[in-house]
Amino acid sequence: MTHAFQKILVAVDRSPISPQVFAQALAQAQVFHATLILLSATELNYNNFALNPPMYAGGMAAITLSQSAAEIYLAQQQQESADGLVFLQDLARQADKVGVVTEISQQLGDPGRSICDVAKTQAVDLIVLGRRGYSGLNELWMGSVSNYVLHHAPCSVLVIQTVAAA
């Protein structure tokens, strides 16, 4: 018997919907005896002005500020990456407890593109991710990872909708 899904990629980001997204992906992996790829895709969010401040007369202070800002930013990125790895390892342990084989992947860059790239290079059969529920102008300004993935994924996509608070 051929399984419909042999590799399932679940994109998680420690947001409030992540436990629900992970639970659904884990359930699918159990049903299909699939490998679960745990992906954390982090966008490079830095304040370009802080890293590249305008040059003033005697620009040394501006250069020092830029270096300091860059060092702070890099330290924050390293901490975010370390925290993300701990988070993914915890999810991998949960999956292991129920007999699901996992792989861990961390990506820096645009989350939508990262998810689609990993899905393509890993020959994923299903992507599971959450949707925060942005619409209208918020979706335009904030962007929509789920919308990008739905239109660019090389495989099936399961989007878990955020349940609005009552």
N, C-alpha and C. Protein backbone atom coordinates (compact mmCIF):
# COMPACT_ATOMS: atom_id res chain seq x y z
N MET A 1 0.84 -1.19 0.00
CA MET A 1 0.00 0.00 0.00
C MET A 1 0.88 1.24 0.00
N THR A 2 0.59 2.16 -0.88
CA THR A 2 1.33 3.41 -0.95
C THR A 2 0.64 4.44 -0.06
N HIS A 3 1.42 5.11 0.75
CA HIS A 3 0.87 6.14 1.63
C HIS A 3 0.70 7.43 0.85
N ALA A 4 -0.39 8.12 1.11
CA ALA A 4 -0.66 9.39 0.44
C ALA A 4 0.41 10.42 0.79
N PHE A 5 0.82 10.44 2.06
CA PHE A 5 1.81 11.41 2.49
C PHE A 5 2.96 10.67 3.17
N GLN A 6 4.15 10.80 2.60
CA GLN A 6 5.32 10.17 3.20
C GLN A 6 6.16 11.17 3.98
N LYS A 7 6.12 12.43 3.54
CA LYS A 7 6.84 13.49 4.23
C LYS A 7 5.90 14.67 4.44
N ILE A 8 5.77 15.06 5.69
CA ILE A 8 4.91 16.19 6.04
C ILE A 8 5.77 17.28 6.67
N LEU A 9 5.68 18.47 6.12
CA LEU A 9 6.40 19.61 6.66
C LEU A 9 5.42 20.43 7.50
N VAL A 10 5.81 20.71 8.74
CA VAL A 10 4.97 21.56 9.59
C VAL A 10 5.76 22.82 9.91
N ALA A 11 5.20 23.97 9.57
CA ALA A 11 5.83 25.26 9.82
C ALA A 11 5.29 25.82 11.13
N VAL A 12 6.16 25.99 12.11
CA VAL A 12 5.77 26.51 13.42
C VAL A 12 6.65 27.69 13.78
N ASP A 13 6.07 28.62 14.55
CA ASP A 13 6.82 29.84 14.88
C ASP A 13 6.62 30.31 16.31
N ARG A 14 6.19 29.45 17.19
CA ARG A 14 5.96 29.78 18.60
C ARG A 14 4.83 30.80 18.79
N SER A 15 3.98 30.96 17.81
CA SER A 15 2.81 31.82 17.94
C SER A 15 1.72 31.03 18.67
N PRO A 16 0.65 31.69 19.11
CA PRO A 16 -0.41 30.99 19.83
C PRO A 16 -1.05 29.83 19.06
N ILE A 17 -1.03 29.87 17.73
CA ILE A 17 -1.65 28.80 16.95
C ILE A 17 -0.70 27.62 16.72
N SER A 18 0.58 27.77 17.01
CA SER A 18 1.55 26.70 16.74
C SER A 18 1.21 25.36 17.39
N PRO A 19 0.75 25.31 18.65
CA PRO A 19 0.40 23.99 19.21
C PRO A 19 -0.71 23.28 18.42
N GLN A 20 -1.68 24.05 17.95
CA GLN A 20 -2.77 23.47 17.15
C GLN A 20 -2.25 22.99 15.80
N VAL A 21 -1.36 23.75 15.19
CA VAL A 21 -0.77 23.38 13.90
C VAL A 21 0.06 22.11 14.07
N PHE A 22 0.89 22.08 15.11
CA PHE A 22 1.73 20.91 15.36
C PHE A 22 0.87 19.67 15.62
N ALA A 23 -0.17 19.82 16.44
CA ALA A 23 -1.04 18.68 16.76
C ALA A 23 -1.68 18.10 15.50
N GLN A 24 -2.12 18.96 14.60
CA GLN A 24 -2.74 18.48 13.36
C GLN A 24 -1.70 17.77 12.47
N ALA A 25 -0.50 18.35 12.38
CA ALA A 25 0.55 17.72 11.57
C ALA A 25 0.96 16.38 12.16
N LEU A 26 1.07 16.33 13.48
CA LEU A 26 1.44 15.09 14.16
C LEU A 26 0.38 14.02 13.93
N ALA A 27 -0.88 14.40 14.01
CA ALA A 27 -1.97 13.44 13.75
C ALA A 27 -1.90 12.90 12.32
N GLN A 28 -1.63 13.76 11.37
CA GLN A 28 -1.51 13.32 9.98
C GLN A 28 -0.31 12.39 9.81
N ALA A 29 0.80 12.72 10.45
CA ALA A 29 2.00 11.88 10.37
C ALA A 29 1.74 10.50 10.96
N GLN A 30 0.98 10.44 12.04
CA GLN A 30 0.64 9.16 12.64
C GLN A 30 -0.24 8.33 11.71
N VAL A 31 -1.25 8.95 11.14
CA VAL A 31 -2.18 8.23 10.26
C VAL A 31 -1.43 7.65 9.05
N PHE A 32 -0.54 8.43 8.47
CA PHE A 32 0.13 8.01 7.24
C PHE A 32 1.52 7.41 7.47
N HIS A 33 1.93 7.29 8.73
CA HIS A 33 3.28 6.78 9.05
C HIS A 33 4.33 7.58 8.28
N ALA A 34 4.15 8.88 8.30
CA ALA A 34 5.01 9.79 7.54
C ALA A 34 6.10 10.38 8.43
N THR A 35 7.17 10.80 7.80
CA THR A 35 8.21 11.58 8.47
C THR A 35 7.69 13.00 8.61
N LEU A 36 7.94 13.59 9.77
CA LEU A 36 7.50 14.96 10.05
C LEU A 36 8.70 15.88 10.06
N ILE A 37 8.71 16.85 9.15
CA ILE A 37 9.78 17.84 9.10
C ILE A 37 9.31 19.07 9.86
N LEU A 38 9.99 19.37 10.96
CA LEU A 38 9.65 20.52 11.80
C LEU A 38 10.45 21.72 11.31
N LEU A 39 9.76 22.74 10.84
CA LEU A 39 10.43 23.90 10.25
C LEU A 39 10.09 25.17 11.02
N SER A 40 11.14 25.89 11.36
CA SER A 40 10.99 27.24 11.90
C SER A 40 11.64 28.17 10.89
N ALA A 41 10.84 29.02 10.28
CA ALA A 41 11.34 29.97 9.28
C ALA A 41 11.23 31.37 9.87
N THR A 42 12.37 32.00 10.11
CA THR A 42 12.40 33.31 10.75
C THR A 42 12.83 34.37 9.75
N GLU A 43 12.01 35.39 9.66
CA GLU A 43 12.34 36.51 8.78
C GLU A 43 13.40 37.38 9.43
N LEU A 44 14.27 37.93 8.62
CA LEU A 44 15.29 38.84 9.12
C LEU A 44 14.63 40.19 9.37
N ASN A 45 14.20 40.43 10.59
CA ASN A 45 13.54 41.68 10.95
C ASN A 45 14.53 42.58 11.66
N TYR A 46 15.06 43.51 10.95
CA TYR A 46 15.94 44.47 11.60
C TYR A 46 15.57 45.86 11.12
N ASN A 47 15.89 46.80 11.98
CA ASN A 47 15.60 48.19 11.67
C ASN A 47 16.75 48.71 10.80
N ASN A 48 16.49 48.87 9.53
CA ASN A 48 17.53 49.30 8.60
C ASN A 48 18.12 50.65 9.00
N PHE A 49 17.30 51.53 9.55
CA PHE A 49 17.79 52.84 9.98
C PHE A 49 18.82 52.67 11.10
N ALA A 50 18.56 51.76 12.04
CA ALA A 50 19.49 51.56 13.16
C ALA A 50 20.81 50.96 12.69
N LEU A 51 20.73 50.07 11.69
CA LEU A 51 21.96 49.45 11.20
C LEU A 51 22.71 50.35 10.23
N ASN A 52 22.00 51.25 9.56
CA ASN A 52 22.60 52.13 8.58
C ASN A 52 22.13 53.56 8.81
N PRO A 53 22.52 54.15 9.94
CA PRO A 53 22.03 55.50 10.24
C PRO A 53 22.63 56.52 9.27
N PRO A 54 21.96 57.66 9.14
CA PRO A 54 22.50 58.70 8.26
C PRO A 54 23.85 59.18 8.78
N MET A 55 24.69 59.58 7.87
CA MET A 55 26.02 60.07 8.25
C MET A 55 25.92 61.56 8.58
N TYR A 56 26.49 61.94 9.70
CA TYR A 56 26.53 63.33 10.11
C TYR A 56 27.96 63.81 10.01
N ALA A 57 28.15 65.10 10.14
CA ALA A 57 29.51 65.65 10.12
C ALA A 57 30.32 64.92 11.19
N GLY A 58 31.50 64.48 10.86
CA GLY A 58 32.33 63.72 11.78
C GLY A 58 31.78 62.32 11.98
N GLY A 59 31.26 61.72 10.94
CA GLY A 59 30.52 60.47 10.92
C GLY A 59 30.99 59.31 11.77
N MET A 60 32.02 59.43 12.56
CA MET A 60 32.49 58.32 13.37
C MET A 60 31.42 57.83 14.35
N ALA A 61 30.70 58.73 14.98
CA ALA A 61 29.67 58.32 15.94
C ALA A 61 28.60 57.49 15.23
N ALA A 62 28.23 57.90 14.01
CA ALA A 62 27.22 57.17 13.26
C ALA A 62 27.73 55.76 12.92
N ILE A 63 29.00 55.64 12.58
CA ILE A 63 29.57 54.33 12.26
C ILE A 63 29.58 53.46 13.51
N THR A 64 29.97 54.03 14.66
CA THR A 64 29.98 53.28 15.91
C THR A 64 28.57 52.83 16.27
N LEU A 65 27.59 53.70 16.12
CA LEU A 65 26.21 53.35 16.39
C LEU A 65 25.78 52.20 15.49
N SER A 66 26.16 52.28 14.23
CA SER A 66 25.79 51.24 13.29
C SER A 66 26.42 49.91 13.69
N GLN A 67 27.68 49.91 14.10
CA GLN A 67 28.34 48.69 14.53
C GLN A 67 27.67 48.13 15.78
N SER A 68 27.37 48.99 16.72
CA SER A 68 26.71 48.55 17.95
C SER A 68 25.34 47.96 17.65
N ALA A 69 24.59 48.62 16.79
CA ALA A 69 23.27 48.12 16.42
C ALA A 69 23.39 46.77 15.74
N ALA A 70 24.37 46.63 14.87
CA ALA A 70 24.58 45.37 14.16
C ALA A 70 24.94 44.26 15.14
N GLU A 71 25.78 44.55 16.12
CA GLU A 71 26.16 43.55 17.11
C GLU A 71 24.96 43.13 17.95
N ILE A 72 24.14 44.10 18.35
CA ILE A 72 22.93 43.79 19.12
C ILE A 72 21.98 42.93 18.28
N TYR A 73 21.82 43.31 17.04
CA TYR A 73 20.94 42.57 16.14
C TYR A 73 21.43 41.13 15.97
N LEU A 74 22.74 40.96 15.73
CA LEU A 74 23.28 39.61 15.56
C LEU A 74 23.12 38.77 16.82
N ALA A 75 23.31 39.37 17.97
CA ALA A 75 23.12 38.65 19.23
C ALA A 75 21.66 38.22 19.38
N GLN A 76 20.73 39.12 19.01
CA GLN A 76 19.30 38.78 19.08
C GLN A 76 18.97 37.64 18.11
N GLN A 77 19.54 37.68 16.92
CA GLN A 77 19.31 36.62 15.94
C GLN A 77 19.85 35.29 16.45
N GLN A 78 21.03 35.30 17.06
CA GLN A 78 21.61 34.07 17.60
C GLN A 78 20.75 33.52 18.72
N GLN A 79 20.23 34.40 19.59
CA GLN A 79 19.36 33.96 20.67
C GLN A 79 18.05 33.40 20.13
N GLU A 80 17.49 34.08 19.14
CA GLU A 80 16.25 33.62 18.51
C GLU A 80 16.46 32.24 17.89
N SER A 81 17.58 32.05 17.24
CA SER A 81 17.89 30.77 16.62
C SER A 81 18.05 29.68 17.68
N ALA A 82 18.74 29.98 18.77
CA ALA A 82 18.92 29.01 19.86
C ALA A 82 17.58 28.66 20.50
N ASP A 83 16.75 29.67 20.76
CA ASP A 83 15.42 29.44 21.33
C ASP A 83 14.56 28.61 20.37
N GLY A 84 14.65 28.91 19.09
CA GLY A 84 13.89 28.17 18.08
C GLY A 84 14.30 26.72 18.03
N LEU A 85 15.60 26.46 18.15
CA LEU A 85 16.09 25.08 18.13
C LEU A 85 15.57 24.30 19.33
N VAL A 86 15.57 24.91 20.51
CA VAL A 86 15.04 24.27 21.71
C VAL A 86 13.55 23.95 21.51
N PHE A 87 12.81 24.89 20.95
CA PHE A 87 11.39 24.70 20.67
C PHE A 87 11.17 23.52 19.73
N LEU A 88 11.95 23.47 18.64
CA LEU A 88 11.81 22.38 17.67
C LEU A 88 12.20 21.04 18.28
N GLN A 89 13.25 21.04 19.10
CA GLN A 89 13.67 19.80 19.75
C GLN A 89 12.59 19.28 20.70
N ASP A 90 11.88 20.19 21.38
CA ASP A 90 10.79 19.79 22.24
C ASP A 90 9.67 19.14 21.42
N LEU A 91 9.34 19.73 20.29
CA LEU A 91 8.31 19.14 19.43
C LEU A 91 8.76 17.78 18.91
N ALA A 92 10.05 17.66 18.58
CA ALA A 92 10.58 16.38 18.09
C ALA A 92 10.45 15.30 19.17
N ARG A 93 10.70 15.66 20.43
CA ARG A 93 10.53 14.70 21.53
C ARG A 93 9.07 14.26 21.66
N GLN A 94 8.15 15.22 21.52
CA GLN A 94 6.73 14.88 21.58
C GLN A 94 6.35 13.90 20.47
N ALA A 95 6.86 14.15 19.27
CA ALA A 95 6.58 13.27 18.14
C ALA A 95 7.20 11.89 18.36
N ASP A 96 8.41 11.88 18.89
CA ASP A 96 9.11 10.62 19.14
C ASP A 96 8.32 9.74 20.12
N LYS A 97 7.68 10.37 21.10
CA LYS A 97 6.89 9.63 22.10
C LYS A 97 5.74 8.84 21.48
N VAL A 98 5.25 9.31 20.33
CA VAL A 98 4.15 8.61 19.67
C VAL A 98 4.63 7.88 18.41
N GLY A 99 5.95 7.73 18.27
CA GLY A 99 6.51 6.93 17.19
C GLY A 99 6.63 7.61 15.85
N VAL A 100 6.62 8.93 15.83
CA VAL A 100 6.75 9.66 14.56
C VAL A 100 8.20 10.12 14.39
N VAL A 101 8.79 9.76 13.27
CA VAL A 101 10.15 10.16 12.93
C VAL A 101 10.15 11.63 12.53
N THR A 102 11.11 12.40 13.04
CA THR A 102 11.16 13.82 12.72
C THR A 102 12.52 14.24 12.18
N GLU A 103 12.50 15.34 11.47
CA GLU A 103 13.69 16.07 11.06
C GLU A 103 13.45 17.52 11.47
N ILE A 104 14.53 18.23 11.76
CA ILE A 104 14.43 19.63 12.17
C ILE A 104 15.11 20.51 11.13
N SER A 105 14.46 21.62 10.81
CA SER A 105 15.05 22.59 9.88
C SER A 105 14.76 23.99 10.38
N GLN A 106 15.79 24.82 10.42
CA GLN A 106 15.64 26.24 10.72
C GLN A 106 16.10 27.01 9.49
N GLN A 107 15.31 28.01 9.10
CA GLN A 107 15.63 28.82 7.94
C GLN A 107 15.54 30.29 8.30
N LEU A 108 16.49 31.07 7.81
CA LEU A 108 16.43 32.52 7.94
C LEU A 108 16.04 33.10 6.59
N GLY A 109 15.10 34.02 6.61
CA GLY A 109 14.67 34.64 5.37
C GLY A 109 13.15 34.71 5.33
N ASP A 110 12.62 35.01 4.18
CA ASP A 110 11.18 35.12 4.01
C ASP A 110 10.52 33.79 4.33
N PRO A 111 9.61 33.75 5.32
CA PRO A 111 9.02 32.47 5.73
C PRO A 111 8.28 31.74 4.61
N GLY A 112 7.49 32.43 3.83
CA GLY A 112 6.75 31.77 2.75
C GLY A 112 7.68 31.10 1.76
N ARG A 113 8.69 31.82 1.33
CA ARG A 113 9.66 31.26 0.38
C ARG A 113 10.44 30.12 1.02
N SER A 114 10.82 30.29 2.28
CA SER A 114 11.56 29.24 2.98
C SER A 114 10.76 27.95 3.05
N ILE A 115 9.48 28.07 3.40
CA ILE A 115 8.61 26.89 3.50
C ILE A 115 8.53 26.18 2.15
N CYS A 116 8.30 26.94 1.09
CA CYS A 116 8.19 26.34 -0.24
C CYS A 116 9.51 25.74 -0.71
N ASP A 117 10.61 26.41 -0.41
CA ASP A 117 11.93 25.88 -0.80
C ASP A 117 12.24 24.57 -0.10
N VAL A 118 11.99 24.51 1.21
CA VAL A 118 12.24 23.27 1.96
C VAL A 118 11.32 22.17 1.44
N ALA A 119 10.06 22.49 1.18
CA ALA A 119 9.12 21.50 0.66
C ALA A 119 9.61 20.92 -0.66
N LYS A 120 10.16 21.79 -1.50
CA LYS A 120 10.65 21.33 -2.80
C LYS A 120 11.92 20.49 -2.66
N THR A 121 12.90 20.99 -1.91
CA THR A 121 14.17 20.27 -1.80
C THR A 121 14.04 18.96 -1.02
N GLN A 122 13.08 18.89 -0.10
CA GLN A 122 12.88 17.68 0.71
C GLN A 122 11.81 16.75 0.13
N ALA A 123 11.27 17.08 -1.03
CA ALA A 123 10.23 16.28 -1.68
C ALA A 123 9.06 16.01 -0.72
N VAL A 124 8.57 17.08 -0.11
CA VAL A 124 7.48 16.99 0.85
C VAL A 124 6.15 16.74 0.12
N ASP A 125 5.28 15.94 0.74
CA ASP A 125 3.97 15.63 0.16
C ASP A 125 2.86 16.53 0.70
N LEU A 126 3.07 17.09 1.91
CA LEU A 126 2.05 17.92 2.55
C LEU A 126 2.73 18.96 3.42
N ILE A 127 2.24 20.19 3.34
CA ILE A 127 2.68 21.27 4.22
C ILE A 127 1.51 21.59 5.15
N VAL A 128 1.81 21.68 6.46
CA VAL A 128 0.80 22.10 7.43
C VAL A 128 1.30 23.39 8.06
N LEU A 129 0.47 24.43 8.04
CA LEU A 129 0.85 25.70 8.64
C LEU A 129 -0.39 26.42 9.13
N GLY A 130 -0.17 27.43 9.95
CA GLY A 130 -1.27 28.20 10.51
C GLY A 130 -1.53 29.46 9.73
N ARG A 131 -2.70 30.01 9.98
CA ARG A 131 -3.09 31.29 9.39
C ARG A 131 -3.57 32.17 10.52
N ARG A 132 -3.01 33.34 10.61
CA ARG A 132 -3.36 34.25 11.70
C ARG A 132 -4.68 34.97 11.49
N GLY A 133 -5.20 34.92 10.28
CA GLY A 133 -6.50 35.53 10.04
C GLY A 133 -6.46 36.98 9.62
N TYR A 134 -5.32 37.45 9.11
CA TYR A 134 -5.29 38.81 8.59
C TYR A 134 -6.20 38.89 7.37
N SER A 135 -6.81 40.03 7.18
CA SER A 135 -7.59 40.25 5.97
C SER A 135 -7.49 41.72 5.59
N GLY A 136 -7.91 42.01 4.39
CA GLY A 136 -7.93 43.39 3.93
C GLY A 136 -6.56 44.05 3.99
N LEU A 137 -6.53 45.27 4.54
CA LEU A 137 -5.29 46.04 4.60
C LEU A 137 -4.23 45.38 5.49
N ASN A 138 -4.66 44.74 6.58
CA ASN A 138 -3.69 44.06 7.44
C ASN A 138 -2.93 43.00 6.67
N GLU A 139 -3.64 42.24 5.83
CA GLU A 139 -2.96 41.21 5.04
C GLU A 139 -2.03 41.86 4.03
N LEU A 140 -2.46 42.97 3.44
CA LEU A 140 -1.63 43.68 2.48
C LEU A 140 -0.35 44.17 3.13
N TRP A 141 -0.47 44.80 4.31
CA TRP A 141 0.70 45.35 5.00
C TRP A 141 1.54 44.29 5.68
N MET A 142 0.88 43.34 6.35
CA MET A 142 1.60 42.33 7.13
C MET A 142 2.08 41.18 6.25
N GLY A 143 1.45 41.02 5.11
CA GLY A 143 1.78 39.89 4.26
C GLY A 143 1.09 38.65 4.79
N SER A 144 1.00 37.66 3.99
CA SER A 144 0.36 36.43 4.41
C SER A 144 1.22 35.27 3.97
N VAL A 145 1.86 34.64 4.96
CA VAL A 145 2.69 33.48 4.67
C VAL A 145 1.82 32.37 4.09
N SER A 146 0.67 32.14 4.72
CA SER A 146 -0.20 31.05 4.25
C SER A 146 -0.66 31.29 2.81
N ASN A 147 -0.99 32.53 2.49
CA ASN A 147 -1.41 32.86 1.12
C ASN A 147 -0.27 32.60 0.13
N TYR A 148 0.93 33.01 0.49
CA TYR A 148 2.08 32.77 -0.39
C TYR A 148 2.27 31.27 -0.61
N VAL A 149 2.25 30.51 0.49
CA VAL A 149 2.47 29.07 0.40
C VAL A 149 1.38 28.40 -0.44
N LEU A 150 0.13 28.80 -0.23
CA LEU A 150 -0.97 28.22 -1.02
C LEU A 150 -0.75 28.40 -2.52
N HIS A 151 -0.17 29.53 -2.90
CA HIS A 151 0.02 29.81 -4.33
C HIS A 151 1.34 29.33 -4.91
N HIS A 152 2.30 28.96 -4.05
CA HIS A 152 3.62 28.59 -4.57
C HIS A 152 4.12 27.22 -4.14
N ALA A 153 3.40 26.52 -3.30
CA ALA A 153 3.85 25.23 -2.79
C ALA A 153 3.90 24.18 -3.89
N PRO A 154 4.87 23.29 -3.81
CA PRO A 154 4.98 22.21 -4.80
C PRO A 154 4.16 20.97 -4.41
N CYS A 155 3.30 21.10 -3.40
CA CYS A 155 2.56 19.95 -2.89
C CYS A 155 1.25 20.42 -2.26
N SER A 156 0.53 19.50 -1.66
CA SER A 156 -0.72 19.84 -0.95
C SER A 156 -0.41 20.69 0.28
N VAL A 157 -1.38 21.53 0.66
CA VAL A 157 -1.20 22.42 1.81
C VAL A 157 -2.44 22.33 2.69
N LEU A 158 -2.21 22.16 4.00
CA LEU A 158 -3.28 22.19 4.98
C LEU A 158 -3.07 23.41 5.84
N VAL A 159 -4.04 24.35 5.80
CA VAL A 159 -3.93 25.59 6.56
C VAL A 159 -4.86 25.49 7.77
N ILE A 160 -4.29 25.69 8.95
CA ILE A 160 -5.06 25.68 10.19
C ILE A 160 -5.43 27.11 10.51
N GLN A 161 -6.72 27.36 10.58
CA GLN A 161 -7.24 28.72 10.83
C GLN A 161 -7.21 29.05 12.31
N THR A 162 -6.79 30.25 12.66
CA THR A 162 -6.87 30.72 14.02
C THR A 162 -8.32 30.80 14.44
N VAL A 163 -8.63 30.28 15.61
CA VAL A 163 -9.99 30.37 16.12
C VAL A 163 -10.09 31.69 16.89
N ALA A 164 -11.04 32.53 16.46
CA ALA A 164 -11.21 33.83 17.09
C ALA A 164 -11.68 33.67 18.53
N ALA A 165 -11.17 34.52 19.41
CA ALA A 165 -11.59 34.49 20.81
C ALA A 165 -13.03 34.96 20.91
N ALA A 166 -13.80 34.35 21.79
CA ALA A 166 -15.21 34.73 21.95
C ALA A 166 -15.34 36.03 22.69
